[in-house]
Amino acid sequence: MAAKAIEMAVNEGHLIKEDGILLNPNTIKLVKEIEEVNRQHLIDNALVTGNQKLFMQLTTQREEIK
């Protein structure tokens, strides 16, 4: 019975099953937001320190993700 309820929740998008782990979509969204804040911080540091190589890696990486 519980397995069917979980399957329905996954099918309706209330839960996401990733590598056998059930996750709330809001958790995934929060993790992505944290990753983006961290990336922006690294970009800011690269600009302040003049690290052009790191800046290019971080900005190019973002373009590939889009």
N, C-alpha and C. Protein backbone atom coordinates (compact mmCIF):
# COMPACT_ATOMS: atom_id res chain seq x y z
N MET A 1 0.82 -1.19 0.00
CA MET A 1 0.00 0.00 0.00
C MET A 1 0.87 1.26 0.00
N ALA A 2 1.89 1.29 0.87
CA ALA A 2 2.78 2.45 0.93
C ALA A 2 3.55 2.62 -0.37
N ALA A 3 3.94 1.52 -0.98
CA ALA A 3 4.68 1.59 -2.24
C ALA A 3 3.83 2.25 -3.33
N LYS A 4 2.55 1.94 -3.35
CA LYS A 4 1.65 2.52 -4.35
C LYS A 4 1.49 4.03 -4.10
N ALA A 5 1.38 4.42 -2.83
CA ALA A 5 1.26 5.84 -2.49
C ALA A 5 2.52 6.60 -2.90
N ILE A 6 3.67 6.00 -2.67
CA ILE A 6 4.94 6.62 -3.07
C ILE A 6 5.01 6.74 -4.58
N GLU A 7 4.61 5.69 -5.27
CA GLU A 7 4.62 5.71 -6.74
C GLU A 7 3.72 6.83 -7.26
N MET A 8 2.55 6.99 -6.66
CA MET A 8 1.63 8.04 -7.08
C MET A 8 2.23 9.42 -6.82
N ALA A 9 2.86 9.60 -5.67
CA ALA A 9 3.48 10.88 -5.32
C ALA A 9 4.59 11.23 -6.30
N VAL A 10 5.36 10.24 -6.70
CA VAL A 10 6.43 10.46 -7.68
C VAL A 10 5.83 10.80 -9.04
N ASN A 11 4.82 10.06 -9.45
CA ASN A 11 4.18 10.30 -10.75
C ASN A 11 3.54 11.68 -10.83
N GLU A 12 3.03 12.17 -9.70
CA GLU A 12 2.36 13.47 -9.68
C GLU A 12 3.32 14.62 -9.39
N GLY A 13 4.61 14.31 -9.16
CA GLY A 13 5.61 15.34 -8.96
C GLY A 13 5.73 15.86 -7.54
N HIS A 14 5.05 15.20 -6.59
CA HIS A 14 5.15 15.63 -5.20
C HIS A 14 6.46 15.16 -4.57
N LEU A 15 7.01 14.09 -5.10
CA LEU A 15 8.30 13.56 -4.68
C LEU A 15 9.11 13.26 -5.92
N ILE A 16 10.42 13.31 -5.76
CA ILE A 16 11.33 12.95 -6.85
C ILE A 16 12.21 11.82 -6.35
N LYS A 17 12.29 10.77 -7.16
CA LYS A 17 13.12 9.64 -6.78
C LYS A 17 14.42 9.72 -7.56
N GLU A 18 15.52 9.83 -6.81
CA GLU A 18 16.84 9.96 -7.42
C GLU A 18 17.79 8.99 -6.74
N ASP A 19 18.32 8.07 -7.51
CA ASP A 19 19.23 7.05 -6.99
C ASP A 19 18.60 6.28 -5.82
N GLY A 20 17.31 6.01 -5.94
CA GLY A 20 16.61 5.25 -4.92
C GLY A 20 16.24 6.04 -3.68
N ILE A 21 16.50 7.36 -3.70
CA ILE A 21 16.18 8.22 -2.56
C ILE A 21 15.01 9.12 -2.94
N LEU A 22 14.05 9.25 -2.04
CA LEU A 22 12.91 10.12 -2.27
C LEU A 22 13.24 11.53 -1.77
N LEU A 23 13.03 12.51 -2.64
CA LEU A 23 13.33 13.89 -2.30
C LEU A 23 12.13 14.78 -2.57
N ASN A 24 11.99 15.79 -1.77
CA ASN A 24 10.98 16.81 -1.99
C ASN A 24 11.51 17.76 -3.07
N PRO A 25 10.71 18.12 -4.06
CA PRO A 25 11.18 19.06 -5.09
C PRO A 25 11.69 20.38 -4.51
N ASN A 26 11.12 20.80 -3.38
CA ASN A 26 11.60 22.04 -2.75
C ASN A 26 13.02 21.89 -2.23
N THR A 27 13.39 20.70 -1.80
CA THR A 27 14.75 20.45 -1.34
C THR A 27 15.73 20.59 -2.50
N ILE A 28 15.37 20.04 -3.63
CA ILE A 28 16.22 20.14 -4.82
C ILE A 28 16.36 21.60 -5.24
N LYS A 29 15.26 22.34 -5.20
CA LYS A 29 15.31 23.76 -5.55
C LYS A 29 16.22 24.53 -4.60
N LEU A 30 16.12 24.25 -3.31
CA LEU A 30 16.96 24.93 -2.33
C LEU A 30 18.44 24.64 -2.55
N VAL A 31 18.77 23.39 -2.84
CA VAL A 31 20.17 23.02 -3.09
C VAL A 31 20.70 23.77 -4.32
N LYS A 32 19.89 23.86 -5.37
CA LYS A 32 20.31 24.59 -6.57
C LYS A 32 20.53 26.07 -6.27
N GLU A 33 19.66 26.64 -5.44
CA GLU A 33 19.83 28.05 -5.07
C GLU A 33 21.11 28.26 -4.28
N ILE A 34 21.41 27.35 -3.36
CA ILE A 34 22.65 27.45 -2.57
C ILE A 34 23.87 27.31 -3.48
N GLU A 35 23.82 26.39 -4.41
CA GLU A 35 24.93 26.22 -5.35
C GLU A 35 25.14 27.49 -6.17
N GLU A 36 24.06 28.14 -6.58
CA GLU A 36 24.18 29.36 -7.37
C GLU A 36 24.76 30.50 -6.54
N VAL A 37 24.36 30.62 -5.29
CA VAL A 37 24.92 31.65 -4.40
C VAL A 37 26.42 31.42 -4.22
N ASN A 38 26.80 30.16 -4.02
CA ASN A 38 28.22 29.83 -3.88
C ASN A 38 29.00 30.17 -5.14
N ARG A 39 28.42 29.87 -6.30
CA ARG A 39 29.07 30.17 -7.57
C ARG A 39 29.23 31.68 -7.75
N GLN A 40 28.20 32.43 -7.40
CA GLN A 40 28.28 33.89 -7.51
C GLN A 40 29.37 34.45 -6.59
N HIS A 41 29.49 33.88 -5.40
CA HIS A 41 30.53 34.30 -4.46
C HIS A 41 31.92 34.04 -5.04
N LEU A 42 32.09 32.87 -5.66
CA LEU A 42 33.37 32.56 -6.28
C LEU A 42 33.68 33.50 -7.45
N ILE A 43 32.65 33.85 -8.21
CA ILE A 43 32.84 34.80 -9.31
C ILE A 43 33.28 36.16 -8.76
N ASP A 44 32.60 36.60 -7.71
CA ASP A 44 32.97 37.88 -7.09
C ASP A 44 34.41 37.86 -6.61
N ASN A 45 34.82 36.76 -5.97
CA ASN A 45 36.20 36.64 -5.50
C ASN A 45 37.19 36.64 -6.67
N ALA A 46 36.83 35.97 -7.75
CA ALA A 46 37.70 35.94 -8.92
C ALA A 46 37.87 37.33 -9.51
N LEU A 47 36.79 38.10 -9.52
CA LEU A 47 36.88 39.47 -10.02
C LEU A 47 37.74 40.35 -9.12
N VAL A 48 37.57 40.21 -7.81
CA VAL A 48 38.32 41.03 -6.85
C VAL A 48 39.81 40.72 -6.93
N THR A 49 40.13 39.44 -7.07
CA THR A 49 41.55 39.05 -7.08
C THR A 49 42.17 39.09 -8.48
N GLY A 50 41.34 39.33 -9.49
CA GLY A 50 41.84 39.39 -10.85
C GLY A 50 42.15 38.02 -11.44
N ASN A 51 41.53 36.98 -10.90
CA ASN A 51 41.76 35.62 -11.38
C ASN A 51 40.88 35.36 -12.61
N GLN A 52 41.41 35.75 -13.75
CA GLN A 52 40.65 35.66 -15.00
C GLN A 52 40.33 34.21 -15.36
N LYS A 53 41.26 33.31 -15.12
CA LYS A 53 41.05 31.90 -15.46
C LYS A 53 39.85 31.34 -14.69
N LEU A 54 39.81 31.58 -13.38
CA LEU A 54 38.69 31.09 -12.58
C LEU A 54 37.39 31.76 -13.00
N PHE A 55 37.44 33.05 -13.26
CA PHE A 55 36.25 33.77 -13.71
C PHE A 55 35.69 33.15 -14.99
N MET A 56 36.56 32.87 -15.93
CA MET A 56 36.13 32.29 -17.21
C MET A 56 35.56 30.89 -17.00
N GLN A 57 36.18 30.10 -16.14
CA GLN A 57 35.67 28.76 -15.87
C GLN A 57 34.27 28.82 -15.28
N LEU A 58 34.07 29.70 -14.32
CA LEU A 58 32.78 29.80 -13.65
C LEU A 58 31.69 30.35 -14.56
N THR A 59 32.02 31.33 -15.37
CA THR A 59 30.99 31.91 -16.24
C THR A 59 30.72 31.02 -17.44
N THR A 60 31.73 30.35 -17.94
CA THR A 60 31.53 29.42 -19.06
C THR A 60 30.71 28.23 -18.59
N GLN A 61 31.01 27.73 -17.39
CA GLN A 61 30.28 26.60 -16.82
C GLN A 61 28.79 26.95 -16.73
N ARG A 62 28.46 28.15 -16.33
CA ARG A 62 27.06 28.55 -16.18
C ARG A 62 26.37 28.57 -17.53
N GLU A 63 27.04 29.03 -18.56
CA GLU A 63 26.46 29.07 -19.88
C GLU A 63 26.15 27.66 -20.39
N GLU A 64 27.00 26.71 -20.04
CA GLU A 64 26.78 25.33 -20.48
C GLU A 64 25.59 24.70 -19.77
N ILE A 65 25.32 25.13 -18.54
CA ILE A 65 24.22 24.58 -17.76
C ILE A 65 22.87 25.05 -18.30
N LYS A 66 22.81 26.29 -18.78
CA LYS A 66 21.54 26.86 -19.27
C LYS A 66 21.00 26.12 -20.41
